[in-house]
């Protein structure tokens, strides 16, 4: 399950047993966000009783908390299967019916334990379920596309239809004759080295041959030539089975030691190429994993045509089996790493948004506090200026009054001095006049 602000995808794995392949193969169904019907996705409690032991299969730790995720789709989802299958995907039989049911479904209910999500991922899933915004899909990472290829569900449907037609035609056909059964006898062991091993039989006598090849009509008794041919076929089958049992027993004894000896070198041969193919370089495009498998199978066929040793055959089989397991492990690791990466990126983006909001809030608070302090300082300065203005006006008036008084005092003193001088001059002048008059009087005759 991957989710970001506008992207969402749910990957559902479905394992299928395929004829000719030992291990189950993982098919992945991807439900993209742009394929979800808006308002019809829900996460609800489980409303039906669960089979006994089912909770233990999906529970993570502690007390399980099962929930049902309901997805309503606009169209059927896409299906991805391993590159290594190649044409083996066309050998699917009845096991594909359940896959097709899931692939065709436009309404899917997924039961899981929400303890696997954690608080953050659960909150994101609830935001997707409760949100009203149309989401988009998540692009497929190159590492996943290297291991898996996409097919549409209709392609699988056509494969199933073809298989169903083949089954019907087989049922309608007549029972094959003894000659056809003889032609269908198993080949020699040299040509069935890739055949799957079977359980060791308790009895290998010709009295109880396995009923797997002879096809006879019970209503029609075979003629003597046919009986002879049938007996020869049964004897050949028993001989092959006995030989296979002997070889199987020998392989079971030798295989553990052979694995311990061969597996380290096989891993050294496989891992560098697989890891190189999973780390894309800007200058070199990685070789798809399917090409590695095709090359390995081609080399195996070329080696088989030149009478390979048993050790080489076993090594080739171990290499193929090991590569399949490594691909599954690497796929799981890549998906988990991608989920962890997206989860960490989402958490980082959420933390970044929270930090931005906190910084914006702190900025507004600091600006408001600064403006308030500036206004207080400005008011204090205005008050001081007003007080200083009054004091300056009073001081200036007092000083001007003092200067005026001093000026008046000086003017009065100057006026007094001038008056004294004037009086002195006027007195001297009167004395001179009187003296002149006295002189004149004395000089005049009587």
Protein backbone atom coordinates (compact mmCIF):
# COMPACT_ATOMS: atom_id res chain seq x y z
CA UNK A 1 0.00 0.00 0.00
CA UNK A 2 1.59 3.25 -1.18
CA UNK A 3 0.16 6.72 -0.58
CA UNK A 4 1.35 10.30 -0.92
CA UNK A 5 -0.56 13.57 -1.03
CA UNK A 6 -2.35 12.82 -4.32
CA UNK A 7 -1.12 9.31 -5.26
CA UNK A 8 -2.49 6.00 -4.01
CA UNK A 9 -2.14 2.34 -4.95
CA UNK A 10 -2.95 -0.99 -3.29
CA UNK A 11 -1.02 -4.09 -4.43
CA UNK A 12 -2.67 -7.45 -3.75
CA UNK A 13 -0.55 -10.59 -4.13
CA UNK A 14 -2.06 -13.90 -5.28
CA UNK A 15 0.06 -17.07 -5.43
CA UNK A 16 -0.72 -19.70 -8.08
CA UNK A 17 0.66 -23.20 -8.57
CA UNK A 18 1.75 -23.75 -12.16
CA UNK A 19 2.32 -27.10 -13.80
CA UNK A 20 6.03 -27.69 -14.34
CA UNK A 21 7.14 -25.12 -11.75
CA UNK A 22 7.94 -26.32 -8.25
CA UNK A 23 7.15 -23.16 -6.30
CA UNK A 24 4.03 -21.06 -6.35
CA UNK A 25 4.29 -17.97 -8.54
CA UNK A 26 3.20 -14.58 -7.28
CA UNK A 27 0.68 -12.64 -9.37
CA UNK A 28 0.21 -9.00 -8.33
CA UNK A 29 -3.05 -7.08 -8.78
CA UNK A 30 -2.60 -3.30 -8.62
CA UNK A 31 -5.53 -1.07 -7.66
CA UNK A 32 -4.55 2.47 -8.70
CA UNK A 33 -5.97 5.61 -7.12
CA UNK A 34 -7.31 6.96 -10.44
CA UNK A 35 -9.33 3.74 -10.85
CA UNK A 36 -11.16 4.16 -7.52
CA UNK A 37 -14.70 5.48 -7.54
CA UNK A 38 -14.84 8.68 -5.52
CA UNK A 39 -16.75 8.37 -2.24
CA UNK A 40 -17.18 4.58 -2.44
CA UNK A 41 -13.99 3.51 -0.66
CA UNK A 42 -14.41 2.58 3.01
CA UNK A 43 -12.56 1.05 5.94
CA UNK A 44 -15.01 -0.70 8.27
CA UNK A 45 -15.18 -3.36 10.93
CA UNK A 46 -15.59 -7.01 9.98
CA UNK A 47 -19.33 -7.69 9.86
CA UNK A 48 -19.20 -11.45 9.23
CA UNK A 49 -17.87 -14.26 11.44
CA UNK A 50 -14.36 -15.33 10.46
CA UNK A 51 -13.26 -18.96 10.10
CA UNK A 52 -11.29 -20.39 12.97
CA UNK A 53 -7.58 -19.66 12.69
CA UNK A 54 -7.97 -16.94 10.06
CA UNK A 55 -7.04 -14.19 12.52
CA UNK A 56 -3.81 -16.00 13.33
CA UNK A 57 -2.92 -15.94 9.65
CA UNK A 58 -3.30 -12.16 9.26
CA UNK A 59 -2.46 -10.97 12.79
CA UNK A 60 0.80 -9.17 13.41
CA UNK A 61 1.42 -8.78 17.15
CA UNK A 62 -0.67 -8.64 20.29
CA UNK A 63 -4.41 -8.25 19.98
CA UNK A 64 -5.45 -8.35 16.29
CA UNK A 65 -7.64 -5.55 14.95
CA UNK A 66 -9.17 -6.89 11.73
CA UNK A 67 -10.73 -4.42 9.30
CA UNK A 68 -12.24 -4.68 5.84
CA UNK A 69 -11.04 -2.31 3.12
CA UNK A 70 -13.73 -1.87 0.45
CA UNK A 71 -12.51 -0.72 -2.97
CA UNK A 72 -15.00 0.20 -5.70
CA UNK A 73 -13.30 0.29 -9.11
CA UNK A 74 -14.20 2.01 -12.35
CA UNK A 75 -12.65 -0.80 -14.39
CA UNK A 76 -10.91 -4.13 -13.68
CA UNK A 77 -7.40 -3.80 -12.27
CA UNK A 78 -4.11 -4.64 -13.98
CA UNK A 79 -2.35 -7.97 -13.40
CA UNK A 80 1.42 -8.47 -13.17
CA UNK A 81 3.25 -11.81 -13.33
CA UNK A 82 6.97 -12.75 -13.20
CA UNK A 83 9.03 -12.39 -16.36
CA UNK A 84 10.52 -15.80 -15.72
CA UNK A 85 7.25 -17.58 -16.46
CA UNK A 86 7.33 -16.69 -20.15
CA UNK A 87 4.90 -18.97 -21.97
CA UNK A 88 4.30 -20.96 -18.79
CA UNK A 89 1.52 -18.51 -18.01
CA UNK A 90 -0.49 -20.19 -20.79
CA UNK A 91 -0.31 -23.51 -18.92
CA UNK A 92 -2.55 -22.26 -16.11
CA UNK A 93 -5.56 -24.48 -15.47
CA UNK A 94 -8.21 -24.36 -12.79
CA UNK A 95 -6.00 -22.28 -10.47
CA UNK A 96 -6.57 -19.25 -12.70
CA UNK A 97 -10.30 -19.16 -11.97
CA UNK A 98 -9.81 -17.56 -8.56
CA UNK A 99 -7.35 -15.07 -10.06
CA UNK A 100 -9.80 -14.15 -12.80
CA UNK A 101 -12.50 -13.62 -10.19
CA UNK A 102 -10.27 -11.07 -8.48
CA UNK A 103 -9.13 -9.55 -11.79
CA UNK A 104 -12.68 -9.08 -13.09
CA UNK A 105 -14.07 -7.73 -9.81
CA UNK A 106 -14.95 -4.05 -9.64
CA UNK A 107 -15.74 -4.29 -5.93
CA UNK A 108 -13.02 -5.79 -3.74
CA UNK A 109 -13.03 -6.41 0.01
CA UNK A 110 -9.60 -6.88 1.60
CA UNK A 111 -9.42 -8.29 5.14
CA UNK A 112 -6.25 -7.36 7.06
CA UNK A 113 -4.92 -6.47 10.50
CA UNK A 114 -4.44 -2.70 10.84
CA UNK A 115 -1.60 -3.35 13.30
CA UNK A 116 0.57 -3.80 10.21
CA UNK A 117 0.07 -0.17 9.22
CA UNK A 118 1.06 1.79 12.30
CA UNK A 119 -0.46 5.07 13.41
CA UNK A 120 0.87 7.27 10.59
CA UNK A 121 0.00 4.89 7.74
CA UNK A 122 -3.42 4.18 9.27
CA UNK A 123 -4.10 7.91 9.47
CA UNK A 124 -3.12 8.29 5.80
CA UNK A 125 -5.37 5.40 4.79
CA UNK A 126 -8.28 6.94 6.68
CA UNK A 127 -7.60 10.27 4.98
CA UNK A 128 -7.83 8.50 1.61
CA UNK A 129 -11.05 6.72 2.59
CA UNK A 130 -12.68 9.84 4.03
CA UNK A 131 -11.24 12.29 1.49
CA UNK A 132 -13.21 13.89 -1.32
CA UNK A 133 -10.29 14.45 -3.70
CA UNK A 134 -9.79 12.26 -6.76
CA UNK A 135 -6.43 10.51 -6.43
CA UNK A 136 -3.97 9.44 -9.11
CA UNK A 137 -2.04 6.21 -9.53
CA UNK A 138 1.54 5.49 -8.51
CA UNK A 139 4.01 4.80 -11.36
CA UNK A 140 5.66 1.39 -11.38
CA UNK A 141 9.28 1.54 -10.23
CA UNK A 142 11.87 0.19 -12.73
CA UNK A 143 13.01 -2.53 -10.32
CA UNK A 144 9.49 -3.95 -10.15
CA UNK A 145 9.06 -3.75 -13.93
CA UNK A 146 12.36 -5.61 -14.29
CA UNK A 147 10.96 -8.61 -12.42
CA UNK A 148 7.29 -8.48 -13.48
CA UNK A 149 5.40 -7.78 -16.68
CA UNK A 150 1.87 -6.46 -16.99
CA UNK A 151 -1.04 -8.19 -18.70
CA UNK A 152 -4.62 -7.13 -18.87
CA UNK A 153 -7.23 -9.31 -17.20
CA UNK A 154 -8.90 -9.88 -20.57
CA UNK A 155 -5.73 -11.64 -21.79
CA UNK A 156 -5.91 -14.04 -18.86
CA UNK A 157 -9.61 -14.45 -19.55
CA UNK A 158 -8.88 -15.48 -23.13
CA UNK A 159 -6.28 -17.97 -21.85
CA UNK A 160 -8.87 -19.48 -19.49
CA UNK A 161 -11.45 -19.61 -22.29
CA UNK A 162 -8.95 -21.39 -24.50
CA UNK A 163 -8.21 -23.90 -21.75
CA UNK A 164 -11.92 -24.46 -21.12
CA UNK A 165 -12.44 -25.10 -24.81
CA UNK A 166 -9.58 -27.56 -24.79
CA UNK A 167 -11.09 -29.43 -21.86
CA UNK A 168 -14.48 -29.61 -23.56
CA UNK A 169 -13.01 -30.86 -26.78
CA UNK A 170 -11.05 -33.51 -24.87
CA UNK A 171 -14.18 -34.75 -23.17
CA UNK A 172 -16.08 -34.91 -26.44
CA UNK A 173 -13.38 -36.92 -28.17
CA UNK A 174 -13.48 -40.71 -28.23
CA UNK A 175 -11.31 -42.73 -25.89
CA UNK A 176 -7.90 -43.22 -27.59
CA UNK A 177 -6.97 -46.65 -28.86
CA UNK A 178 -4.26 -48.90 -27.47
CA UNK A 179 -1.93 -47.84 -30.29
CA UNK A 180 -2.31 -44.21 -29.23
CA UNK A 181 -1.61 -45.23 -25.66
CA UNK A 182 1.58 -46.96 -26.77
CA UNK A 183 2.66 -43.82 -28.59
CA UNK A 184 1.96 -41.93 -25.36
CA UNK A 185 4.34 -44.12 -23.35
CA UNK A 186 6.83 -42.18 -21.22
CA UNK A 187 10.23 -41.39 -22.76
CA UNK A 188 13.51 -42.64 -21.41
CA UNK A 189 14.98 -41.03 -18.31
CA UNK A 190 17.60 -39.20 -20.37
CA UNK A 191 14.84 -36.99 -21.74
CA UNK A 192 12.97 -36.33 -18.49
CA UNK A 193 15.76 -34.92 -16.35
CA UNK A 194 13.59 -31.90 -15.62
CA UNK A 195 10.63 -33.99 -14.45
CA UNK A 196 9.46 -33.39 -10.91
CA UNK A 197 10.39 -36.05 -8.36
CA UNK A 198 7.67 -38.25 -6.91
CA UNK A 199 7.29 -40.06 -3.60
CA UNK A 200 9.16 -43.34 -3.25
CA UNK A 201 6.93 -46.31 -3.95
CA UNK A 202 6.72 -49.11 -1.42
CA UNK A 203 6.42 -51.75 -4.10
CA UNK A 204 8.03 -51.84 -7.53
CA UNK A 205 6.85 -55.21 -8.84
CA UNK A 206 5.09 -55.49 -12.21
CA UNK A 207 1.99 -56.90 -10.41
CA UNK A 208 0.80 -53.39 -9.41
CA UNK A 209 1.73 -50.89 -12.11
CA UNK A 210 0.47 -47.30 -11.67
CA UNK A 211 -2.66 -46.62 -13.73
CA UNK A 212 -1.45 -43.45 -15.42
CA UNK A 213 -0.82 -44.21 -19.09
CA UNK A 214 -3.08 -47.01 -20.31
CA UNK A 215 -6.46 -45.82 -21.53
CA UNK A 216 -8.90 -48.67 -22.24
CA UNK A 217 -12.62 -49.00 -22.77
CA UNK A 218 -13.97 -51.44 -20.14
CA UNK A 219 -16.85 -52.48 -22.44
CA UNK A 220 -14.57 -53.59 -25.23
CA UNK A 221 -12.16 -56.42 -24.56
CA UNK A 222 -8.86 -55.89 -26.34
CA UNK A 223 -7.72 -58.32 -28.99
CA UNK A 224 -4.63 -60.52 -28.36
CA UNK A 225 -2.28 -58.25 -30.33
CA UNK A 226 -3.56 -55.31 -28.33
CA UNK A 227 -3.01 -57.23 -25.07
CA UNK A 228 0.55 -57.96 -26.12
CA UNK A 229 1.20 -54.34 -26.91
CA UNK A 230 -0.45 -53.27 -23.66
CA UNK A 231 1.70 -55.68 -21.65
CA UNK A 232 4.82 -54.37 -23.34
CA UNK A 233 3.80 -50.80 -22.56
CA UNK A 234 3.12 -51.66 -18.91
CA UNK A 235 6.46 -53.39 -18.58
CA UNK A 236 8.27 -50.41 -20.10
CA UNK A 237 6.44 -48.06 -17.75
CA UNK A 238 7.33 -50.16 -14.72
CA UNK A 239 10.96 -50.31 -15.77
CA UNK A 240 11.09 -46.54 -16.15
CA UNK A 241 9.37 -46.04 -12.78
CA UNK A 242 11.79 -48.40 -11.01
CA UNK A 243 14.72 -46.61 -12.60
CA UNK A 244 13.26 -43.25 -11.56
CA UNK A 245 12.78 -44.47 -7.98
CA UNK A 246 16.39 -45.63 -7.80
CA UNK A 247 17.65 -42.33 -9.17
CA UNK A 248 15.35 -40.37 -6.86
CA UNK A 249 16.64 -42.26 -3.82
CA UNK A 250 20.24 -41.64 -4.87
CA UNK A 251 19.56 -37.96 -5.50
CA UNK A 252 17.93 -37.57 -2.07
CA UNK A 253 21.11 -38.93 -0.47
CA UNK A 254 23.52 -36.85 -2.54
CA UNK A 255 21.49 -33.63 -2.84
CA UNK A 256 22.14 -32.13 0.66
CA UNK A 257 25.93 -32.40 0.32
CA UNK A 258 25.71 -31.22 -3.27
CA UNK A 259 23.67 -28.19 -2.21
CA UNK A 260 26.17 -27.28 0.48
CA UNK A 261 28.95 -27.54 -2.07
CA UNK A 262 27.31 -25.87 -5.07
CA UNK A 263 25.07 -23.23 -3.51
CA UNK A 264 27.83 -20.74 -2.49
CA UNK A 265 29.32 -20.70 -5.99
CA UNK A 266 25.84 -20.48 -7.55
CA UNK A 267 25.04 -17.47 -5.38
CA UNK A 268 28.33 -15.86 -6.35
CA UNK A 269 27.42 -16.34 -10.01
CA UNK A 270 23.79 -15.18 -9.75
CA UNK A 271 23.82 -12.33 -7.25
CA UNK A 272 26.14 -9.86 -9.07
CA UNK A 273 24.14 -10.04 -12.28
CA UNK A 274 20.78 -9.76 -10.51
CA UNK A 275 21.92 -6.90 -8.29
CA UNK A 276 23.42 -5.11 -11.30
CA UNK A 277 20.14 -5.48 -13.16
CA UNK A 278 18.27 -4.01 -10.18
CA UNK A 279 20.44 -0.86 -9.90
CA UNK A 280 19.78 1.28 -12.99
CA UNK A 281 22.66 3.45 -14.18
CA UNK A 282 22.16 6.74 -16.06
CA UNK A 283 24.55 5.62 -18.80
CA UNK A 284 23.78 1.90 -19.06
CA UNK A 285 20.30 0.45 -19.22
CA UNK A 286 19.95 -2.70 -17.07
CA UNK A 287 19.34 -6.02 -18.75
CA UNK A 288 15.86 -7.33 -17.87
CA UNK A 289 15.77 -10.29 -15.54
CA UNK A 290 13.75 -12.24 -18.08
CA UNK A 291 16.67 -12.12 -20.53
CA UNK A 292 18.96 -13.60 -17.86
CA UNK A 293 16.52 -16.47 -17.37
CA UNK A 294 16.17 -17.03 -21.12
CA UNK A 295 19.96 -17.05 -21.49
CA UNK A 296 20.30 -19.53 -18.62
CA UNK A 297 17.68 -21.83 -20.13
CA UNK A 298 19.32 -21.56 -23.56
CA UNK A 299 22.70 -22.46 -22.11
CA UNK A 300 21.07 -25.35 -20.25
CA UNK A 301 19.53 -26.66 -23.49
CA UNK A 302 22.88 -26.33 -25.31
CA UNK A 303 24.62 -28.18 -22.49
CA UNK A 304 21.92 -30.87 -22.48
CA UNK A 305 22.49 -31.52 -26.18
CA UNK A 306 26.16 -32.32 -25.47
CA UNK A 307 25.51 -35.12 -22.91
CA UNK A 308 26.02 -33.14 -19.67
CA UNK A 309 27.22 -34.76 -16.49
CA UNK A 310 24.71 -35.36 -13.67
CA UNK A 311 26.45 -32.69 -11.59
CA UNK A 312 25.95 -30.14 -14.40
CA UNK A 313 22.26 -31.06 -14.72
CA UNK A 314 21.72 -30.76 -10.96
CA UNK A 315 23.64 -27.49 -10.86
CA UNK A 316 21.48 -26.05 -13.65
CA UNK A 317 18.30 -27.11 -11.82
CA UNK A 318 19.57 -25.64 -8.55
CA UNK A 319 20.53 -22.42 -10.34
CA UNK A 320 17.05 -22.03 -11.84
CA UNK A 321 15.36 -22.80 -8.52
CA UNK A 322 17.71 -20.44 -6.63
CA UNK A 323 17.17 -17.64 -9.13
CA UNK A 324 13.40 -17.93 -8.72
CA UNK A 325 13.70 -17.68 -4.94
CA UNK A 326 16.12 -14.76 -5.20
CA UNK A 327 13.74 -12.93 -7.52
CA UNK A 328 10.91 -13.36 -5.02
CA UNK A 329 13.11 -12.20 -2.14
CA UNK A 330 14.38 -9.20 -4.10
CA UNK A 331 10.86 -8.31 -5.18
CA UNK A 332 9.61 -8.41 -1.60
CA UNK A 333 12.63 -6.40 -0.44
CA UNK A 334 12.12 -3.80 -3.16
CA UNK A 335 8.43 -3.46 -2.40
CA UNK A 336 9.14 -3.13 1.31
CA UNK A 337 11.93 -0.63 0.64
CA UNK A 338 9.63 1.34 -1.65
CA UNK A 339 6.91 1.39 1.01
CA UNK A 340 9.43 2.46 3.67
CA UNK A 341 10.80 5.12 1.32
CA UNK A 342 7.35 6.49 0.55
CA UNK A 343 6.39 6.33 4.22
CA UNK A 344 9.56 8.19 5.22
CA UNK A 345 9.02 10.72 2.45
CA UNK A 346 5.43 11.30 3.53
CA UNK A 347 6.50 11.69 7.16
CA UNK A 348 9.25 14.09 6.08
CA UNK A 349 6.79 16.12 4.01
CA UNK A 350 4.34 16.20 6.92
CA UNK A 351 7.10 17.29 9.31
CA UNK A 352 8.22 19.90 6.78
CA UNK A 353 4.69 21.29 6.52
CA UNK A 354 4.41 21.39 10.31
CA UNK A 355 7.77 23.16 10.61
CA UNK A 356 6.75 25.69 7.96
CA UNK A 357 3.52 26.40 9.84
CA UNK A 358 5.44 26.77 13.10
CA UNK A 359 7.95 29.10 11.44
CA UNK A 360 5.15 31.20 9.95
CA UNK A 361 3.43 31.40 13.35
CA UNK A 362 6.69 32.36 15.08
CA UNK A 363 7.34 34.96 12.40
CA UNK A 364 3.93 36.54 12.89
CA UNK A 365 4.35 36.47 16.69
CA UNK A 366 7.79 38.07 16.54
CA UNK A 367 6.62 40.74 14.08
CA UNK A 368 3.64 41.55 16.30
CA UNK A 369 5.87 41.73 19.40
CA UNK A 370 8.37 43.93 17.55
CA UNK A 371 5.64 46.28 16.34
CA UNK A 372 4.20 46.50 19.85
CA UNK A 373 7.61 47.29 21.34
CA UNK A 374 8.27 49.89 18.64
CA UNK A 375 4.92 51.54 19.33
CA UNK A 376 5.69 51.64 23.07
CA UNK A 377 9.12 53.17 22.43
CA UNK A 378 7.61 55.71 20.05
CA UNK A 379 4.97 56.71 22.61
CA UNK A 380 7.65 57.11 25.29
CA UNK A 381 9.75 59.21 22.93
CA UNK A 382 6.80 61.43 22.10
CA UNK A 383 6.07 61.91 25.81
CA UNK A 384 9.67 62.80 26.49
CA UNK A 385 9.71 65.22 23.57
CA UNK A 386 6.51 66.84 24.83
CA UNK A 387 7.96 67.18 28.33
CA UNK A 388 11.26 68.48 26.95
CA UNK A 389 9.35 70.94 24.78
CA UNK A 390 7.48 72.35 27.76
CA UNK A 391 10.62 72.54 29.83
CA UNK A 392 12.49 74.15 26.94
CA UNK A 393 9.72 76.70 26.45
CA UNK A 394 9.72 77.62 30.15
CA UNK A 395 13.50 77.81 30.26
CA UNK A 396 13.58 79.89 27.10
CA UNK A 397 10.97 82.28 28.47
CA UNK A 398 12.83 82.64 31.74
CA UNK A 399 16.09 83.18 29.93
CA UNK A 400 14.55 85.74 27.59
CA UNK A 401 12.97 87.54 30.55
CA UNK A 402 16.31 87.59 32.28
CA UNK A 403 18.00 88.99 29.18
CA UNK A 404 15.31 91.65 28.86
CA UNK A 405 15.75 92.65 32.50
CA UNK A 406 19.47 92.81 32.14
CA UNK A 407 19.08 94.87 29.01
CA UNK A 408 16.71 97.26 30.78
CA UNK A 409 19.12 97.53 33.69
CA UNK A 410 21.96 98.37 31.38
CA UNK A 411 19.82 100.84 29.51
CA UNK A 412 18.81 102.51 32.78
CA UNK A 413 22.41 102.70 33.87
CA UNK A 414 23.37 104.16 30.54
CA UNK A 415 20.49 106.60 30.79
CA UNK A 416 21.64 107.71 34.24
CA UNK A 417 25.18 108.16 32.99
CA UNK A 418 23.98 110.19 30.10
CA UNK A 419 21.85 112.34 32.35
CA UNK A 420 24.78 112.94 34.72
CA UNK A 421 26.94 113.95 31.83
CA UNK A 422 24.24 116.20 30.50
CA UNK A 423 23.78 117.84 33.89
CA UNK A 424 27.50 118.39 34.28
CA UNK A 425 27.77 119.95 30.88
CA UNK A 426 24.70 122.06 31.50
CA UNK A 427 26.13 123.28 34.85
CA UNK A 428 29.44 124.18 33.36
CA UNK A 429 27.73 126.03 30.61
CA UNK A 430 25.66 128.03 33.10
CA UNK A 431 28.76 128.87 35.08
CA UNK A 432 30.48 130.06 31.94
CA UNK A 433 27.50 132.19 31.08
CA UNK A 434 27.41 133.68 34.54
CA UNK A 435 31.11 134.37 34.44
CA UNK A 436 30.81 136.00 31.09
CA UNK A 437 27.97 138.13 32.34
CA UNK A 438 29.96 139.11 35.42
CA UNK A 439 32.91 140.00 33.34
CA UNK A 440 30.83 142.07 31.07
CA UNK A 441 29.32 143.81 34.02
CA UNK A 442 32.65 144.61 35.46
CA UNK A 443 33.95 145.98 32.24
CA UNK A 444 31.12 148.35 31.63
CA UNK A 445 31.50 151.90 33.09
CA UNK A 446 29.19 153.23 35.52
